[in-house]
Each structure stands twice: as C-alpha cells, then as structure tokens.
Amino acid sequence: MRTIYIRKLRFEEARIKLERELHDAFMDGESYVEILHGIGEGILRRMAIDYVESCGFLKLVETDPMFRSNPGATIVEILAPSKEYINRLKS
C-alpha cells in the first residue's frame, strides 16, 4: 500500500501533492493508498476527504475510529473509473 504524506504541508501544496500522487497510484495499478494528513485542526483531513469524494475512481475505506491504527491517516481504495469519468478525461 502506497503512503502519501501531506502532513505539515500548506493547504495548496498538500492539495497539489495529493492530486498528483493519487493519479500516479492509479496509473501504477495500486488498490489502496494511505493518506497521512495528521490530526491538528482537521483542515488537511477535510481537504483529502473532499478530494476523494470528488473523484470517480476513489472510495473512502470506512473503519471504526476505535480500531483505526492511526487517527491521522485516511485509507482510500482506488477503483476502476466509470465510463463517464474516462470520457471526461478524454475531452
């Protein structure tokens, strides 16, 4: 599982790195990615979740917070993209 470190980055730097590395993971055929965003005020966590929810080929892996090994991380599953998403990329 690939790990993307956006912890301690500024918001815009973190967003750009997250986008680039998630697309790289998709192209490399990864199935799961761990996004390390830290705990803090939750700004990077919220940005990561919003980005994942906006992409057609990503899915949040829901786990019970009581059993999560790292509360400063979010696990994402990389799915095969829908035909609509592929057509949007081709345009």
N, C-alpha and C. Protein backbone atom coordinates (compact mmCIF):
# COMPACT_ATOMS: atom_id res chain seq x y z
N MET A 1 0.85 -1.18 0.00
CA MET A 1 0.00 0.00 0.00
C MET A 1 0.90 1.24 0.00
N ARG A 2 0.63 2.12 -0.92
CA ARG A 2 1.38 3.37 -1.03
C ARG A 2 0.92 4.34 0.05
N THR A 3 1.84 5.14 0.57
CA THR A 3 1.52 6.16 1.56
C THR A 3 1.83 7.53 0.99
N ILE A 4 0.87 8.44 1.12
CA ILE A 4 1.04 9.82 0.66
C ILE A 4 1.13 10.70 1.90
N TYR A 5 2.26 11.39 2.05
CA TYR A 5 2.48 12.25 3.21
C TYR A 5 2.16 13.70 2.84
N ILE A 6 1.09 14.23 3.44
CA ILE A 6 0.78 15.64 3.23
C ILE A 6 0.84 16.41 4.56
N ARG A 7 1.22 15.70 5.59
CA ARG A 7 1.32 16.28 6.92
C ARG A 7 2.33 17.42 6.92
N LYS A 8 2.02 18.49 7.63
CA LYS A 8 2.88 19.66 7.79
C LYS A 8 3.08 20.46 6.50
N LEU A 9 2.28 20.19 5.48
CA LEU A 9 2.35 20.99 4.25
C LEU A 9 1.29 22.09 4.31
N ARG A 10 1.51 23.14 3.56
CA ARG A 10 0.48 24.17 3.43
C ARG A 10 -0.66 23.59 2.59
N PHE A 11 -1.84 24.17 2.76
CA PHE A 11 -3.05 23.64 2.14
C PHE A 11 -2.88 23.41 0.64
N GLU A 12 -2.44 24.43 -0.09
CA GLU A 12 -2.33 24.33 -1.55
C GLU A 12 -1.26 23.31 -1.95
N GLU A 13 -0.12 23.31 -1.26
CA GLU A 13 0.92 22.32 -1.53
C GLU A 13 0.40 20.91 -1.31
N ALA A 14 -0.34 20.72 -0.22
CA ALA A 14 -0.90 19.41 0.11
C ALA A 14 -1.90 18.96 -0.94
N ARG A 15 -2.75 19.88 -1.40
CA ARG A 15 -3.76 19.53 -2.42
C ARG A 15 -3.09 19.10 -3.72
N ILE A 16 -2.09 19.83 -4.15
CA ILE A 16 -1.38 19.51 -5.39
C ILE A 16 -0.67 18.16 -5.27
N LYS A 17 0.02 17.94 -4.15
CA LYS A 17 0.73 16.67 -3.95
C LYS A 17 -0.25 15.51 -3.88
N LEU A 18 -1.35 15.68 -3.17
CA LEU A 18 -2.35 14.62 -3.05
C LEU A 18 -2.91 14.25 -4.41
N GLU A 19 -3.29 15.25 -5.19
CA GLU A 19 -3.85 15.00 -6.52
C GLU A 19 -2.86 14.26 -7.40
N ARG A 20 -1.63 14.74 -7.44
CA ARG A 20 -0.60 14.12 -8.29
C ARG A 20 -0.31 12.68 -7.87
N GLU A 21 -0.15 12.45 -6.57
CA GLU A 21 0.23 11.11 -6.11
C GLU A 21 -0.93 10.11 -6.20
N LEU A 22 -2.17 10.57 -6.03
CA LEU A 22 -3.31 9.67 -6.21
C LEU A 22 -3.43 9.25 -7.67
N HIS A 23 -3.21 10.18 -8.58
CA HIS A 23 -3.26 9.83 -10.01
C HIS A 23 -2.10 8.90 -10.37
N ASP A 24 -0.93 9.13 -9.80
CA ASP A 24 0.20 8.23 -10.03
C ASP A 24 -0.10 6.83 -9.52
N ALA A 25 -0.70 6.75 -8.33
CA ALA A 25 -1.05 5.45 -7.75
C ALA A 25 -2.06 4.72 -8.64
N PHE A 26 -3.01 5.46 -9.18
CA PHE A 26 -3.99 4.87 -10.09
C PHE A 26 -3.30 4.31 -11.33
N MET A 27 -2.41 5.10 -11.91
CA MET A 27 -1.72 4.67 -13.12
C MET A 27 -0.77 3.49 -12.85
N ASP A 28 -0.28 3.38 -11.61
CA ASP A 28 0.61 2.27 -11.24
C ASP A 28 -0.16 1.02 -10.85
N GLY A 29 -1.49 1.09 -10.82
CA GLY A 29 -2.30 -0.07 -10.51
C GLY A 29 -2.45 -0.38 -9.03
N GLU A 30 -2.20 0.61 -8.17
CA GLU A 30 -2.37 0.41 -6.73
C GLU A 30 -3.85 0.19 -6.41
N SER A 31 -4.13 -0.59 -5.37
CA SER A 31 -5.50 -0.83 -4.94
C SER A 31 -5.89 0.04 -3.75
N TYR A 32 -4.93 0.27 -2.86
CA TYR A 32 -5.19 1.07 -1.66
C TYR A 32 -4.07 2.06 -1.45
N VAL A 33 -4.44 3.22 -0.90
CA VAL A 33 -3.48 4.27 -0.58
C VAL A 33 -3.81 4.79 0.82
N GLU A 34 -2.76 5.05 1.59
CA GLU A 34 -2.94 5.66 2.90
C GLU A 34 -2.50 7.12 2.80
N ILE A 35 -3.37 8.03 3.17
CA ILE A 35 -3.06 9.45 3.16
C ILE A 35 -2.76 9.87 4.60
N LEU A 36 -1.51 10.26 4.86
CA LEU A 36 -1.13 10.73 6.19
C LEU A 36 -1.27 12.25 6.23
N HIS A 37 -2.31 12.72 6.92
CA HIS A 37 -2.60 14.15 6.99
C HIS A 37 -2.39 14.72 8.37
N GLY A 38 -2.20 13.90 9.36
CA GLY A 38 -2.04 14.37 10.73
C GLY A 38 -3.39 14.66 11.37
N ILE A 39 -3.36 15.08 12.63
CA ILE A 39 -4.59 15.33 13.36
C ILE A 39 -4.89 16.83 13.38
N GLY A 40 -4.10 17.61 14.03
CA GLY A 40 -4.23 19.07 14.05
C GLY A 40 -5.66 19.57 14.13
N GLU A 41 -5.97 20.57 13.33
CA GLU A 41 -7.31 21.15 13.30
C GLU A 41 -8.22 20.45 12.30
N GLY A 42 -7.70 19.49 11.55
CA GLY A 42 -8.51 18.71 10.63
C GLY A 42 -8.68 19.32 9.25
N ILE A 43 -7.93 20.37 8.94
CA ILE A 43 -8.08 21.05 7.65
C ILE A 43 -7.59 20.15 6.51
N LEU A 44 -6.41 19.55 6.66
CA LEU A 44 -5.88 18.68 5.61
C LEU A 44 -6.70 17.40 5.49
N ARG A 45 -7.20 16.90 6.60
CA ARG A 45 -8.08 15.72 6.56
C ARG A 45 -9.33 16.02 5.76
N ARG A 46 -9.97 17.15 6.03
CA ARG A 46 -11.20 17.55 5.34
C ARG A 46 -10.92 17.75 3.84
N MET A 47 -9.79 18.38 3.51
CA MET A 47 -9.43 18.58 2.10
C MET A 47 -9.23 17.25 1.40
N ALA A 48 -8.54 16.30 2.07
CA ALA A 48 -8.30 14.98 1.47
C ALA A 48 -9.61 14.24 1.24
N ILE A 49 -10.49 14.27 2.22
CA ILE A 49 -11.78 13.59 2.08
C ILE A 49 -12.62 14.23 0.98
N ASP A 50 -12.65 15.56 0.93
CA ASP A 50 -13.40 16.25 -0.13
C ASP A 50 -12.85 15.90 -1.50
N TYR A 51 -11.53 15.82 -1.63
CA TYR A 51 -10.94 15.48 -2.92
C TYR A 51 -11.30 14.04 -3.32
N VAL A 52 -11.18 13.12 -2.38
CA VAL A 52 -11.50 11.71 -2.66
C VAL A 52 -12.96 11.58 -3.09
N GLU A 53 -13.86 12.28 -2.41
CA GLU A 53 -15.28 12.20 -2.74
C GLU A 53 -15.60 12.83 -4.09
N SER A 54 -14.75 13.73 -4.57
CA SER A 54 -15.00 14.38 -5.86
C SER A 54 -14.49 13.55 -7.04
N CYS A 55 -13.69 12.53 -6.78
CA CYS A 55 -13.13 11.70 -7.85
C CYS A 55 -13.94 10.44 -8.04
N GLY A 56 -14.20 10.11 -9.29
CA GLY A 56 -14.99 8.93 -9.60
C GLY A 56 -14.26 7.61 -9.40
N PHE A 57 -12.93 7.65 -9.27
CA PHE A 57 -12.18 6.40 -9.17
C PHE A 57 -11.63 6.14 -7.77
N LEU A 58 -12.08 6.93 -6.79
CA LEU A 58 -11.61 6.77 -5.41
C LEU A 58 -12.78 6.52 -4.47
N LYS A 59 -12.51 5.75 -3.42
CA LYS A 59 -13.54 5.45 -2.42
C LYS A 59 -12.88 5.45 -1.05
N LEU A 60 -13.50 6.14 -0.10
CA LEU A 60 -13.01 6.12 1.27
C LEU A 60 -13.26 4.75 1.87
N VAL A 61 -12.30 4.23 2.59
CA VAL A 61 -12.47 2.97 3.29
C VAL A 61 -12.88 3.32 4.71
N GLU A 62 -14.13 3.02 5.04
CA GLU A 62 -14.65 3.35 6.35
C GLU A 62 -14.18 2.32 7.36
N THR A 63 -13.61 2.81 8.44
CA THR A 63 -13.22 1.93 9.54
C THR A 63 -13.68 2.56 10.83
N ASP A 64 -13.93 1.74 11.80
CA ASP A 64 -14.35 2.21 13.10
C ASP A 64 -13.20 2.98 13.75
N PRO A 65 -13.43 4.22 14.19
CA PRO A 65 -12.34 5.00 14.80
C PRO A 65 -11.72 4.32 16.02
N MET A 66 -12.47 3.46 16.70
CA MET A 66 -11.94 2.78 17.87
C MET A 66 -10.83 1.79 17.49
N PHE A 67 -10.86 1.28 16.28
CA PHE A 67 -9.90 0.27 15.86
C PHE A 67 -8.91 0.79 14.82
N ARG A 68 -9.03 2.03 14.45
CA ARG A 68 -8.13 2.62 13.45
C ARG A 68 -6.74 2.73 14.07
N SER A 69 -5.73 2.28 13.37
CA SER A 69 -4.38 2.29 13.92
C SER A 69 -3.80 3.70 13.98
N ASN A 70 -4.21 4.58 13.08
CA ASN A 70 -3.68 5.94 13.06
C ASN A 70 -4.79 6.92 12.77
N PRO A 71 -5.23 7.69 13.76
CA PRO A 71 -6.31 8.66 13.51
C PRO A 71 -5.88 9.82 12.62
N GLY A 72 -4.58 9.95 12.36
CA GLY A 72 -4.08 11.00 11.48
C GLY A 72 -3.92 10.52 10.05
N ALA A 73 -4.59 9.43 9.70
CA ALA A 73 -4.48 8.87 8.36
C ALA A 73 -5.86 8.48 7.83
N THR A 74 -5.99 8.52 6.53
CA THR A 74 -7.22 8.11 5.85
C THR A 74 -6.84 7.07 4.80
N ILE A 75 -7.56 5.96 4.77
CA ILE A 75 -7.32 4.90 3.78
C ILE A 75 -8.29 5.10 2.62
N VAL A 76 -7.76 4.99 1.41
CA VAL A 76 -8.55 5.20 0.20
C VAL A 76 -8.40 3.97 -0.70
N GLU A 77 -9.51 3.52 -1.26
CA GLU A 77 -9.48 2.43 -2.23
C GLU A 77 -9.54 3.05 -3.62
N ILE A 78 -8.70 2.55 -4.51
CA ILE A 78 -8.69 3.03 -5.89
C ILE A 78 -9.51 2.06 -6.73
N LEU A 79 -10.57 2.57 -7.32
CA LEU A 79 -11.49 1.77 -8.12
C LEU A 79 -11.22 1.96 -9.60
N ALA A 80 -11.74 1.05 -10.40
CA ALA A 80 -11.70 1.24 -11.85
C ALA A 80 -12.62 2.42 -12.17
N PRO A 81 -12.20 3.33 -13.02
CA PRO A 81 -13.02 4.50 -13.31
C PRO A 81 -14.27 4.16 -14.12
N SER A 82 -15.29 4.98 -13.96
CA SER A 82 -16.51 4.81 -14.74
C SER A 82 -16.27 5.30 -16.17
N LYS A 83 -17.13 4.90 -17.08
CA LYS A 83 -17.01 5.34 -18.46
C LYS A 83 -17.18 6.85 -18.57
N GLU A 84 -18.06 7.42 -17.76
CA GLU A 84 -18.27 8.87 -17.78
C GLU A 84 -16.97 9.60 -17.39
N TYR A 85 -16.28 9.09 -16.39
CA TYR A 85 -15.05 9.72 -15.94
C TYR A 85 -13.98 9.63 -17.03
N ILE A 86 -13.85 8.48 -17.66
CA ILE A 86 -12.88 8.32 -18.74
C ILE A 86 -13.20 9.27 -19.90
N ASN A 87 -14.46 9.38 -20.26
CA ASN A 87 -14.85 10.30 -21.34
C ASN A 87 -14.54 11.74 -20.98
N ARG A 88 -14.72 12.10 -19.69
CA ARG A 88 -14.41 13.44 -19.25
C ARG A 88 -12.91 13.70 -19.37
N LEU A 89 -12.09 12.71 -19.08
CA LEU A 89 -10.64 12.87 -19.20
C LEU A 89 -10.21 13.02 -20.66
N LYS A 90 -10.90 12.33 -21.56
CA LYS A 90 -10.55 12.39 -22.97
C LYS A 90 -10.89 13.73 -23.60
N SER A 91 -11.87 14.42 -23.04
CA SER A 91 -12.31 15.71 -23.63
C SER A 91 -11.31 16.80 -23.42
